Amino acid sequence: MSLFIAPVWQESFGQVSPFAMNMRVPVIGYDVGAISEIVNSKEMLAPAGDAEKLADIAIELLNNNDLRSEMGRDHQLRAVGNFSVQAMISAYDLLYAEMAKKQYNNI
């Protein structure tokens, strides 16, 4: 797959986007919900419901192998760093350590 177009139009966090990103597939879609946080790029998102703009973004990426490849690498790094099981475990570890420290200091 060369490109994933996230079909999100009202969902708050689409899990399929990080899955595609982890496979080094660039993700584009509508600027709705958390997708801009997930992909970390407003430039690759169309306003909600603007199918023509979304198609323009898709065509631009499909016609530009270098940009698509670079975006795929960036998205994979973002997915691994922010949405992987390892990232979740690290975040919980930090959170619990911080909470335990606060609790310990209150004793």
PDB file of N, CA and C in Angstrom:
ATOM      1  N   MET A   1       0.846  -1.166   0.000  1.00  0.00           N
ATOM      2  CA  MET A   1       0.000   0.000   0.000  1.00  0.00           C
ATOM      3  C   MET A   1       0.896   1.236   0.000  1.00  0.00           C
ATOM      4  N   SER A   2       0.610   2.173  -0.842  1.00  0.00           N
ATOM      5  CA  SER A   2       1.432   3.378  -0.949  1.00  0.00           C
ATOM      6  C   SER A   2       0.971   4.513  -0.056  1.00  0.00           C
ATOM      7  N   LEU A   3      -0.319   4.509   0.286  1.00  0.00           N
ATOM      8  CA  LEU A   3      -0.900   5.625   1.018  1.00  0.00           C
ATOM      9  C   LEU A   3      -2.150   5.148   1.727  1.00  0.00           C
ATOM     10  N   PHE A   4      -2.365   5.620   2.956  1.00  0.00           N
ATOM     11  CA  PHE A   4      -3.588   5.308   3.680  1.00  0.00           C
ATOM     12  C   PHE A   4      -4.372   6.592   3.866  1.00  0.00           C
ATOM     13  N   ILE A   5      -5.597   6.585   3.404  1.00  0.00           N
ATOM     14  CA  ILE A   5      -6.481   7.724   3.592  1.00  0.00           C
ATOM     15  C   ILE A   5      -7.398   7.368   4.754  1.00  0.00           C
ATOM     16  N   ALA A   6      -7.188   8.042   5.890  1.00  0.00           N
ATOM     17  CA  ALA A   6      -7.974   7.770   7.090  1.00  0.00           C
ATOM     18  C   ALA A   6      -9.407   8.249   6.864  1.00  0.00           C
ATOM     19  N   PRO A   7     -10.369   7.352   6.977  1.00  0.00           N
ATOM     20  CA  PRO A   7     -11.753   7.723   6.708  1.00  0.00           C
ATOM     21  C   PRO A   7     -12.446   8.393   7.898  1.00  0.00           C
ATOM     22  N   VAL A   8     -11.667   8.918   8.814  1.00  0.00           N
ATOM     23  CA  VAL A   8     -12.214   9.512  10.032  1.00  0.00           C
ATOM     24  C   VAL A   8     -12.992  10.776   9.696  1.00  0.00           C
ATOM     25  N   TRP A   9     -14.239  10.828  10.162  1.00  0.00           N
ATOM     26  CA  TRP A   9     -14.994  12.061   9.986  1.00  0.00           C
ATOM     27  C   TRP A   9     -15.668  12.498  11.274  1.00  0.00           C
ATOM     28  N   GLN A  10     -15.686  11.626  12.297  1.00  0.00           N
ATOM     29  CA  GLN A  10     -16.133  12.073  13.606  1.00  0.00           C
ATOM     30  C   GLN A  10     -15.526  11.260  14.752  1.00  0.00           C
ATOM     31  N   GLU A  11     -14.752  10.260  14.458  1.00  0.00           N
ATOM     32  CA  GLU A  11     -14.113   9.449  15.477  1.00  0.00           C
ATOM     33  C   GLU A  11     -13.021  10.260  16.179  1.00  0.00           C
ATOM     34  N   SER A  12     -12.881  10.076  17.499  1.00  0.00           N
ATOM     35  CA  SER A  12     -11.909  10.882  18.223  1.00  0.00           C
ATOM     36  C   SER A  12     -10.481  10.369  18.062  1.00  0.00           C
ATOM     37  N   PHE A  13     -10.275   9.049  17.952  1.00  0.00           N
ATOM     38  CA  PHE A  13      -8.928   8.519  17.795  1.00  0.00           C
ATOM     39  C   PHE A  13      -9.011   7.255  16.957  1.00  0.00           C
ATOM     40  N   GLY A  14      -8.591   7.345  15.718  1.00  0.00           N
ATOM     41  CA  GLY A  14      -8.648   6.188  14.833  1.00  0.00           C
ATOM     42  C   GLY A  14      -7.422   5.309  14.996  1.00  0.00           C
ATOM     43  N   GLN A  15      -7.600   4.097  15.479  1.00  0.00           N
ATOM     44  CA  GLN A  15      -6.475   3.189  15.691  1.00  0.00           C
ATOM     45  C   GLN A  15      -5.809   2.740  14.400  1.00  0.00           C
ATOM     46  N   VAL A  16      -6.548   2.698  13.318  1.00  0.00           N
ATOM     47  CA  VAL A  16      -5.966   2.199  12.078  1.00  0.00           C
ATOM     48  C   VAL A  16      -4.865   3.111  11.552  1.00  0.00           C
ATOM     49  N   SER A  17      -4.930   4.385  11.874  1.00  0.00           N
ATOM     50  CA  SER A  17      -3.896   5.313  11.399  1.00  0.00           C
ATOM     51  C   SER A  17      -2.529   4.973  11.974  1.00  0.00           C
ATOM     52  N   PRO A  18      -2.371   4.807  13.307  1.00  0.00           N
ATOM     53  CA  PRO A  18      -1.067   4.400  13.821  1.00  0.00           C
ATOM     54  C   PRO A  18      -0.630   3.021  13.307  1.00  0.00           C
ATOM     55  N   PHE A  19      -1.583   2.124  13.057  1.00  0.00           N
ATOM     56  CA  PHE A  19      -1.227   0.809  12.504  1.00  0.00           C
ATOM     57  C   PHE A  19      -0.588   0.983  11.126  1.00  0.00           C
ATOM     58  N   ALA A  20      -1.207   1.807  10.282  1.00  0.00           N
ATOM     59  CA  ALA A  20      -0.646   2.059   8.946  1.00  0.00           C
ATOM     60  C   ALA A  20       0.702   2.758   9.056  1.00  0.00           C
ATOM     61  N   MET A  21       0.789   3.742   9.940  1.00  0.00           N
ATOM     62  CA  MET A  21       2.032   4.481  10.123  1.00  0.00           C
ATOM     63  C   MET A  21       3.163   3.549  10.544  1.00  0.00           C
ATOM     64  N   ASN A  22       2.861   2.608  11.420  1.00  0.00           N
ATOM     65  CA  ASN A  22       3.876   1.666  11.878  1.00  0.00           C
ATOM     66  C   ASN A  22       4.415   0.813  10.730  1.00  0.00           C
ATOM     67  N   MET A  23       3.618   0.639   9.687  1.00  0.00           N
ATOM     68  CA  MET A  23       4.043  -0.127   8.513  1.00  0.00           C
ATOM     69  C   MET A  23       4.712   0.776   7.464  1.00  0.00           C
ATOM     70  N   ARG A  24       5.049   2.009   7.875  1.00  0.00           N
ATOM     71  CA  ARG A  24       5.712   2.993   7.016  1.00  0.00           C
ATOM     72  C   ARG A  24       4.832   3.456   5.848  1.00  0.00           C
ATOM     73  N   VAL A  25       3.529   3.414   6.086  1.00  0.00           N
ATOM     74  CA  VAL A  25       2.567   3.891   5.095  1.00  0.00           C
ATOM     75  C   VAL A  25       2.105   5.282   5.524  1.00  0.00           C
ATOM     76  N   PRO A  26       2.310   6.299   4.701  1.00  0.00           N
ATOM     77  CA  PRO A  26       1.871   7.642   5.065  1.00  0.00           C
ATOM     78  C   PRO A  26       0.349   7.702   5.219  1.00  0.00           C
ATOM     79  N   VAL A  27      -0.094   8.514   6.163  1.00  0.00           N
ATOM     80  CA  VAL A  27      -1.517   8.650   6.458  1.00  0.00           C
ATOM     81  C   VAL A  27      -1.954  10.082   6.200  1.00  0.00           C
ATOM     82  N   ILE A  28      -3.053  10.224   5.476  1.00  0.00           N
ATOM     83  CA  ILE A  28      -3.689  11.519   5.281  1.00  0.00           C
ATOM     84  C   ILE A  28      -5.164  11.355   5.627  1.00  0.00           C
ATOM     85  N   GLY A  29      -5.869  12.458   5.747  1.00  0.00           N
ATOM     86  CA  GLY A  29      -7.294  12.363   6.054  1.00  0.00           C
ATOM     87  C   GLY A  29      -7.890  13.737   6.261  1.00  0.00           C
ATOM     88  N   TYR A  30      -9.056  13.731   6.894  1.00  0.00           N
ATOM     89  CA  TYR A  30      -9.732  14.978   7.240  1.00  0.00           C
ATOM     90  C   TYR A  30      -9.225  15.461   8.593  1.00  0.00           C
ATOM     91  N   ASP A  31      -9.151  16.744   8.770  1.00  0.00           N
ATOM     92  CA  ASP A  31      -8.690  17.338  10.025  1.00  0.00           C
ATOM     93  C   ASP A  31      -9.837  17.306  11.039  1.00  0.00           C
ATOM     94  N   VAL A  32     -10.055  16.121  11.591  1.00  0.00           N
ATOM     95  CA  VAL A  32     -11.148  15.880  12.531  1.00  0.00           C
ATOM     96  C   VAL A  32     -10.614  15.070  13.702  1.00  0.00           C
ATOM     97  N   GLY A  33     -11.056  15.386  14.899  1.00  0.00           N
ATOM     98  CA  GLY A  33     -10.659  14.605  16.066  1.00  0.00           C
ATOM     99  C   GLY A  33      -9.162  14.661  16.288  1.00  0.00           C
ATOM    100  N   ALA A  34      -8.596  13.522  16.621  1.00  0.00           N
ATOM    101  CA  ALA A  34      -7.184  13.453  17.019  1.00  0.00           C
ATOM    102  C   ALA A  34      -6.228  13.173  15.862  1.00  0.00           C
ATOM    103  N   ILE A  35      -6.726  13.096  14.630  1.00  0.00           N
ATOM    104  CA  ILE A  35      -5.851  12.706  13.525  1.00  0.00           C
ATOM    105  C   ILE A  35      -4.672  13.664  13.351  1.00  0.00           C
ATOM    106  N   SER A  36      -4.877  14.963  13.599  1.00  0.00           N
ATOM    107  CA  SER A  36      -3.740  15.885  13.445  1.00  0.00           C
ATOM    108  C   SER A  36      -2.680  15.609  14.498  1.00  0.00           C
ATOM    109  N   GLU A  37      -3.078  15.196  15.698  1.00  0.00           N
ATOM    110  CA  GLU A  37      -2.110  14.816  16.726  1.00  0.00           C
ATOM    111  C   GLU A  37      -1.421  13.506  16.355  1.00  0.00           C
ATOM    112  N   ILE A  38      -2.170  12.593  15.782  1.00  0.00           N
ATOM    113  CA  ILE A  38      -1.613  11.294  15.419  1.00  0.00           C
ATOM    114  C   ILE A  38      -0.546  11.456  14.337  1.00  0.00           C
ATOM    115  N   VAL A  39      -0.876  12.146  13.255  1.00  0.00           N
ATOM    116  CA  VAL A  39       0.065  12.274  12.134  1.00  0.00           C
ATOM    117  C   VAL A  39       1.037  13.439  12.313  1.00  0.00           C
ATOM    118  N   ASN A  40       0.713  14.353  13.227  1.00  0.00           N
ATOM    119  CA  ASN A  40       1.574  15.484  13.550  1.00  0.00           C
ATOM    120  C   ASN A  40       1.852  16.368  12.337  1.00  0.00           C
ATOM    121  N   SER A  41       0.805  16.587  11.527  1.00  0.00           N
ATOM    122  CA  SER A  41       0.974  17.412  10.334  1.00  0.00           C
ATOM    123  C   SER A  41      -0.378  17.912   9.843  1.00  0.00           C
ATOM    124  N   LYS A  42      -0.589  19.205   9.947  1.00  0.00           N
ATOM    125  CA  LYS A  42      -1.829  19.809   9.434  1.00  0.00           C
ATOM    126  C   LYS A  42      -1.798  19.898   7.907  1.00  0.00           C
ATOM    127  N   GLU A  43      -0.580  19.947   7.326  1.00  0.00           N
ATOM    128  CA  GLU A  43      -0.451  20.102   5.876  1.00  0.00           C
ATOM    129  C   GLU A  43      -1.025  18.911   5.112  1.00  0.00           C
ATOM    130  N   MET A  44      -1.015  17.752   5.724  1.00  0.00           N
ATOM    131  CA  MET A  44      -1.489  16.553   5.045  1.00  0.00           C
ATOM    132  C   MET A  44      -2.920  16.196   5.423  1.00  0.00           C
ATOM    133  N   LEU A  45      -3.647  17.172   5.947  1.00  0.00           N
ATOM    134  CA  LEU A  45      -5.043  16.965   6.317  1.00  0.00           C
ATOM    135  C   LEU A  45      -5.912  17.978   5.594  1.00  0.00           C
ATOM    136  N   ALA A  46      -7.046  17.518   5.132  1.00  0.00           N
ATOM    137  CA  ALA A  46      -8.010  18.384   4.459  1.00  0.00           C
ATOM    138  C   ALA A  46      -9.076  18.814   5.463  1.00  0.00           C
ATOM    139  N   PRO A  47      -9.663  19.968   5.247  1.00  0.00           N
ATOM    140  CA  PRO A  47     -10.778  20.351   6.113  1.00  0.00           C
ATOM    141  C   PRO A  47     -11.878  19.291   6.051  1.00  0.00           C
ATOM    142  N   ALA A  48     -12.578  19.120   7.159  1.00  0.00           N
ATOM    143  CA  ALA A  48     -13.632  18.101   7.243  1.00  0.00           C
ATOM    144  C   ALA A  48     -14.593  18.199   6.064  1.00  0.00           C
ATOM    145  N   GLY A  49     -14.774  17.084   5.374  1.00  0.00           N
ATOM    146  CA  GLY A  49     -15.722  17.010   4.268  1.00  0.00           C
ATOM    147  C   GLY A  49     -15.230  17.537   2.936  1.00  0.00           C
ATOM    148  N   ASP A  50     -14.019  18.088   2.882  1.00  0.00           N
ATOM    149  CA  ASP A  50     -13.489  18.641   1.630  1.00  0.00           C
ATOM    150  C   ASP A  50     -12.790  17.533   0.842  1.00  0.00           C
ATOM    151  N   ALA A  51     -13.600  16.761   0.126  1.00  0.00           N
ATOM    152  CA  ALA A  51     -13.084  15.604  -0.614  1.00  0.00           C
ATOM    153  C   ALA A  51     -12.115  16.019  -1.719  1.00  0.00           C
ATOM    154  N   GLU A  52     -12.335  17.173  -2.330  1.00  0.00           N
ATOM    155  CA  GLU A  52     -11.435  17.635  -3.388  1.00  0.00           C
ATOM    156  C   GLU A  52     -10.044  17.931  -2.839  1.00  0.00           C
ATOM    157  N   LYS A  53      -9.966  18.587  -1.693  1.00  0.00           N
ATOM    158  CA  LYS A  53      -8.666  18.889  -1.083  1.00  0.00           C
ATOM    159  C   LYS A  53      -7.980  17.593  -0.667  1.00  0.00           C
ATOM    160  N   LEU A  54      -8.738  16.651  -0.100  1.00  0.00           N
ATOM    161  CA  LEU A  54      -8.163  15.366   0.293  1.00  0.00           C
ATOM    162  C   LEU A  54      -7.619  14.635  -0.930  1.00  0.00           C
ATOM    163  N   ALA A  55      -8.352  14.682  -2.030  1.00  0.00           N
ATOM    164  CA  ALA A  55      -7.892  14.049  -3.269  1.00  0.00           C
ATOM    165  C   ALA A  55      -6.625  14.731  -3.785  1.00  0.00           C
ATOM    166  N   ASP A  56      -6.550  16.064  -3.674  1.00  0.00           N
ATOM    167  CA  ASP A  56      -5.351  16.795  -4.107  1.00  0.00           C
ATOM    168  C   ASP A  56      -4.128  16.363  -3.294  1.00  0.00           C
ATOM    169  N   ILE A  57      -4.312  16.194  -1.986  1.00  0.00           N
ATOM    170  CA  ILE A  57      -3.211  15.758  -1.123  1.00  0.00           C
ATOM    171  C   ILE A  57      -2.770  14.346  -1.522  1.00  0.00           C
ATOM    172  N   ALA A  58      -3.735  13.477  -1.749  1.00  0.00           N
ATOM    173  CA  ALA A  58      -3.422  12.095  -2.145  1.00  0.00           C
ATOM    174  C   ALA A  58      -2.672  12.062  -3.463  1.00  0.00           C
ATOM    175  N   ILE A  59      -3.126  12.822  -4.428  1.00  0.00           N
ATOM    176  CA  ILE A  59      -2.477  12.850  -5.740  1.00  0.00           C
ATOM    177  C   ILE A  59      -1.059  13.387  -5.629  1.00  0.00           C
ATOM    178  N   GLU A  60      -0.888  14.450  -4.831  1.00  0.00           N
ATOM    179  CA  GLU A  60       0.451  15.012  -4.628  1.00  0.00           C
ATOM    180  C   GLU A  60       1.405  13.948  -4.078  1.00  0.00           C
ATOM    181  N   LEU A  61       0.963  13.195  -3.093  1.00  0.00           N
ATOM    182  CA  LEU A  61       1.824  12.169  -2.501  1.00  0.00           C
ATOM    183  C   LEU A  61       2.054  11.005  -3.448  1.00  0.00           C
ATOM    184  N   LEU A  62       1.037  10.595  -4.162  1.00  0.00           N
ATOM    185  CA  LEU A  62       1.193   9.473  -5.092  1.00  0.00           C
ATOM    186  C   LEU A  62       2.122   9.822  -6.250  1.00  0.00           C
ATOM    187  N   ASN A  63       2.202  11.106  -6.573  1.00  0.00           N
ATOM    188  CA  ASN A  63       3.080  11.557  -7.652  1.00  0.00           C
ATOM    189  C   ASN A  63       4.487  11.921  -7.181  1.00  0.00           C
ATOM    190  N   ASN A  64       4.717  11.900  -5.873  1.00  0.00           N
ATOM    191  CA  ASN A  64       6.008  12.313  -5.340  1.00  0.00           C
ATOM    192  C   ASN A  64       6.558  11.203  -4.437  1.00  0.00           C
ATOM    193  N   ASN A  65       7.297  10.284  -5.044  1.00  0.00           N
ATOM    194  CA  ASN A  65       7.833   9.136  -4.302  1.00  0.00           C
ATOM    195  C   ASN A  65       8.731   9.549  -3.139  1.00  0.00           C
ATOM    196  N   ASP A  66       9.556  10.572  -3.346  1.00  0.00           N
ATOM    197  CA  ASP A  66      10.473  10.999  -2.287  1.00  0.00           C
ATOM    198  C   ASP A  66       9.709  11.539  -1.079  1.00  0.00           C
ATOM    199  N   LEU A  67       8.732  12.399  -1.313  1.00  0.00           N
ATOM    200  CA  LEU A  67       7.928  12.954  -0.224  1.00  0.00           C
ATOM    201  C   LEU A  67       7.159  11.849   0.497  1.00  0.00           C
ATOM    202  N   ARG A  68       6.585  10.952  -0.276  1.00  0.00           N
ATOM    203  CA  ARG A  68       5.815   9.846   0.302  1.00  0.00           C
ATOM    204  C   ARG A  68       6.710   8.940   1.145  1.00  0.00           C
ATOM    205  N   SER A  69       7.904   8.662   0.663  1.00  0.00           N
ATOM    206  CA  SER A  69       8.850   7.825   1.403  1.00  0.00           C
ATOM    207  C   SER A  69       9.305   8.511   2.692  1.00  0.00           C
ATOM    208  N   GLU A  70       9.625   9.787   2.595  1.00  0.00           N
ATOM    209  CA  GLU A  70      10.038  10.549   3.784  1.00  0.00           C
ATOM    210  C   GLU A  70       8.908  10.602   4.810  1.00  0.00           C
ATOM    211  N   MET A  71       7.706  10.847   4.343  1.00  0.00           N
ATOM    212  CA  MET A  71       6.554  10.899   5.240  1.00  0.00           C
ATOM    213  C   MET A  71       6.313   9.538   5.889  1.00  0.00           C
ATOM    214  N   GLY A  72       6.482   8.476   5.122  1.00  0.00           N
ATOM    215  CA  GLY A  72       6.319   7.129   5.658  1.00  0.00           C
ATOM    216  C   GLY A  72       7.314   6.840   6.768  1.00  0.00           C
ATOM    217  N   ARG A  73       8.568   7.235   6.564  1.00  0.00           N
ATOM    218  CA  ARG A  73       9.591   7.046   7.608  1.00  0.00           C
ATOM    219  C   ARG A  73       9.256   7.862   8.856  1.00  0.00           C
ATOM    220  N   ASP A  74       8.870   9.126   8.648  1.00  0.00           N
ATOM    221  CA  ASP A  74       8.498   9.993   9.778  1.00  0.00           C
ATOM    222  C   ASP A  74       7.309   9.416  10.539  1.00  0.00           C
ATOM    223  N   HIS A  75       6.323   8.942   9.793  1.00  0.00           N
ATOM    224  CA  HIS A  75       5.142   8.378  10.437  1.00  0.00           C
ATOM    225  C   HIS A  75       5.481   7.107  11.215  1.00  0.00           C
ATOM    226  N   GLN A  76       6.370   6.287  10.661  1.00  0.00           N
ATOM    227  CA  GLN A  76       6.745   5.065  11.374  1.00  0.00           C
ATOM    228  C   GLN A  76       7.440   5.417  12.693  1.00  0.00           C
ATOM    229  N   LEU A  77       8.351   6.358  12.659  1.00  0.00           N
ATOM    230  CA  LEU A  77       9.032   6.776  13.882  1.00  0.00           C
ATOM    231  C   LEU A  77       8.048   7.342  14.897  1.00  0.00           C
ATOM    232  N   ARG A  78       7.094   8.122  14.421  1.00  0.00           N
ATOM    233  CA  ARG A  78       6.080   8.699  15.321  1.00  0.00           C
ATOM    234  C   ARG A  78       5.203   7.603  15.923  1.00  0.00           C
ATOM    235  N   ALA A  79       4.806   6.642  15.120  1.00  0.00           N
ATOM    236  CA  ALA A  79       3.960   5.553  15.617  1.00  0.00           C
ATOM    237  C   ALA A  79       4.688   4.736  16.681  1.00  0.00           C
ATOM    238  N   VAL A  80       5.932   4.386  16.406  1.00  0.00           N
ATOM    239  CA  VAL A  80       6.712   3.590  17.370  1.00  0.00           C
ATOM    240  C   VAL A  80       6.961   4.397  18.643  1.00  0.00           C
ATOM    241  N   GLY A  81       7.290   5.666  18.486  1.00  0.00           N
ATOM    242  CA  GLY A  81       7.623   6.501  19.635  1.00  0.00           C
ATOM    243  C   GLY A  81       6.452   6.905  20.502  1.00  0.00           C
ATOM    244  N   ASN A  82       5.260   6.939  19.915  1.00  0.00           N
ATOM    245  CA  ASN A  82       4.116   7.462  20.654  1.00  0.00           C
ATOM    246  C   ASN A  82       2.960   6.485  20.847  1.00  0.00           C
ATOM    247  N   PHE A  83       2.807   5.511  19.962  1.00  0.00           N
ATOM    248  CA  PHE A  83       1.602   4.690  19.993  1.00  0.00           C
ATOM    249  C   PHE A  83       1.859   3.190  20.108  1.00  0.00           C
ATOM    250  N   SER A  84       3.101   2.796  20.288  1.00  0.00           N
ATOM    251  CA  SER A  84       3.417   1.373  20.410  1.00  0.00           C
ATOM    252  C   SER A  84       3.169   0.899  21.847  1.00  0.00           C
ATOM    253  N   VAL A  85       3.138  -0.404  22.020  1.00  0.00           N
ATOM    254  CA  VAL A  85       2.991  -0.975  23.354  1.00  0.00           C
ATOM    255  C   VAL A  85       4.153  -0.533  24.234  1.00  0.00           C
ATOM    256  N   GLN A  86       5.358  -0.517  23.680  1.00  0.00           N
ATOM    257  CA  GLN A  86       6.529  -0.101  24.444  1.00  0.00           C
ATOM    258  C   GLN A  86       6.398   1.354  24.906  1.00  0.00           C
ATOM    259  N   ALA A  87       5.901   2.224  24.032  1.00  0.00           N
ATOM    260  CA  ALA A  87       5.707   3.629  24.401  1.00  0.00           C
ATOM    261  C   ALA A  87       4.657   3.742  25.506  1.00  0.00           C
ATOM    262  N   MET A  88       3.597   2.954  25.410  1.00  0.00           N
ATOM    263  CA  MET A  88       2.553   2.974  26.428  1.00  0.00           C
ATOM    264  C   MET A  88       3.107   2.504  27.775  1.00  0.00           C
ATOM    265  N   ILE A  89       3.884   1.434  27.764  1.00  0.00           N
ATOM    266  CA  ILE A  89       4.467   0.908  29.004  1.00  0.00           C
ATOM    267  C   ILE A  89       5.392   1.954  29.632  1.00  0.00           C
ATOM    268  N   SER A  90       6.220   2.594  28.824  1.00  0.00           N
ATOM    269  CA  SER A  90       7.124   3.632  29.334  1.00  0.00           C
ATOM    270  C   SER A  90       6.347   4.797  29.932  1.00  0.00           C
ATOM    271  N   ALA A  91       5.281   5.216  29.259  1.00  0.00           N
ATOM    272  CA  ALA A  91       4.467   6.324  29.763  1.00  0.00           C
ATOM    273  C   ALA A  91       3.807   5.964  31.088  1.00  0.00           C
ATOM    274  N   TYR A  92       3.270   4.749  31.184  1.00  0.00           N
ATOM    275  CA  TYR A  92       2.662   4.314  32.448  1.00  0.00           C
ATOM    276  C   TYR A  92       3.719   4.196  33.538  1.00  0.00           C
ATOM    277  N   ASP A  93       4.888   3.702  33.214  1.00  0.00           N
ATOM    278  CA  ASP A  93       5.963   3.575  34.183  1.00  0.00           C
ATOM    279  C   ASP A  93       6.311   4.946  34.770  1.00  0.00           C
ATOM    280  N   LEU A  94       6.457   5.951  33.909  1.00  0.00           N
ATOM    281  CA  LEU A  94       6.754   7.312  34.378  1.00  0.00           C
ATOM    282  C   LEU A  94       5.621   7.864  35.226  1.00  0.00           C
ATOM    283  N   LEU A  95       4.393   7.647  34.778  1.00  0.00           N
ATOM    284  CA  LEU A  95       3.230   8.136  35.517  1.00  0.00           C
ATOM    285  C   LEU A  95       3.157   7.511  36.906  1.00  0.00           C
ATOM    286  N   TYR A  96       3.316   6.196  36.990  1.00  0.00           N
ATOM    287  CA  TYR A  96       3.246   5.512  38.284  1.00  0.00           C
ATOM    288  C   TYR A  96       4.401   5.927  39.188  1.00  0.00           C
ATOM    289  N   ALA A  97       5.583   6.104  38.632  1.00  0.00           N
ATOM    290  CA  ALA A  97       6.725   6.539  39.430  1.00  0.00           C
ATOM    291  C   ALA A  97       6.472   7.933  39.998  1.00  0.00           C
ATOM    292  N   GLU A  98       5.914   8.807  39.179  1.00  0.00           N
ATOM    293  CA  GLU A  98       5.600  10.162  39.623  1.00  0.00           C
ATOM    294  C   GLU A  98       4.536  10.145  40.716  1.00  0.00           C
ATOM    295  N   MET A  99       3.517   9.328  40.539  1.00  0.00           N
ATOM    296  CA  MET A  99       2.451   9.227  41.541  1.00  0.00           C
ATOM    297  C   MET A  99       2.983   8.637  42.846  1.00  0.00           C
ATOM    298  N   ALA A 100       3.831   7.634  42.739  1.00  0.00           N
ATOM    299  CA  ALA A 100       4.401   7.010  43.937  1.00  0.00           C
ATOM    300  C   ALA A 100       5.285   8.005  44.681  1.00  0.00           C
ATOM    301  N   LYS A 101       6.047   8.791  43.955  1.00  0.00           N
ATOM    302  CA  LYS A 101       6.911   9.800  44.577  1.00  0.00           C
ATOM    303  C   LYS A 101       6.069  10.830  45.316  1.00  0.00           C
ATOM    304  N   LYS A 102       4.987  11.299  44.688  1.00  0.00           N
ATOM    305  CA  LYS A 102       4.101  12.278  45.338  1.00  0.00           C
ATOM    306  C   LYS A 102       3.474  11.660  46.588  1.00  0.00           C
ATOM    307  N   GLN A 103       3.048  10.428  46.487  1.00  0.00           N
ATOM    308  CA  GLN A 103       2.431   9.745  47.630  1.00  0.00           C
ATOM    309  C   GLN A 103       3.449   9.596  48.757  1.00  0.00           C
ATOM    310  N   TYR A 104       4.677   9.210  48.410  1.00  0.00           N
ATOM    311  CA  TYR A 104       5.725   9.023  49.395  1.00  0.00           C
ATOM    312  C   TYR A 104       6.052  10.342  50.090  1.00  0.00           C
ATOM    313  N   ASN A 105       6.080  11.434  49.344  1.00  0.00           N
ATOM    314  CA  ASN A 105       6.401  12.749  49.904  1.00  0.00           C
ATOM    315  C   ASN A 105       5.278  13.257  50.811  1.00  0.00           C
ATOM    316  N   ASN A 106       4.077  12.765  50.645  1.00  0.00           N
ATOM    317  CA  ASN A 106       2.951  13.179  51.481  1.00  0.00           C
ATOM    318  C   ASN A 106       2.865  12.414  52.794  1.00  0.00           C
ATOM    319  N   ILE A 107       3.707  11.401  52.965  1.00  0.00           N
ATOM    320  CA  ILE A 107       3.664  10.583  54.188  1.00  0.00           C
ATOM    321  C   ILE A 107       4.413  11.281  55.306  1.00  0.00           C
TER     322      ILE A 107
END
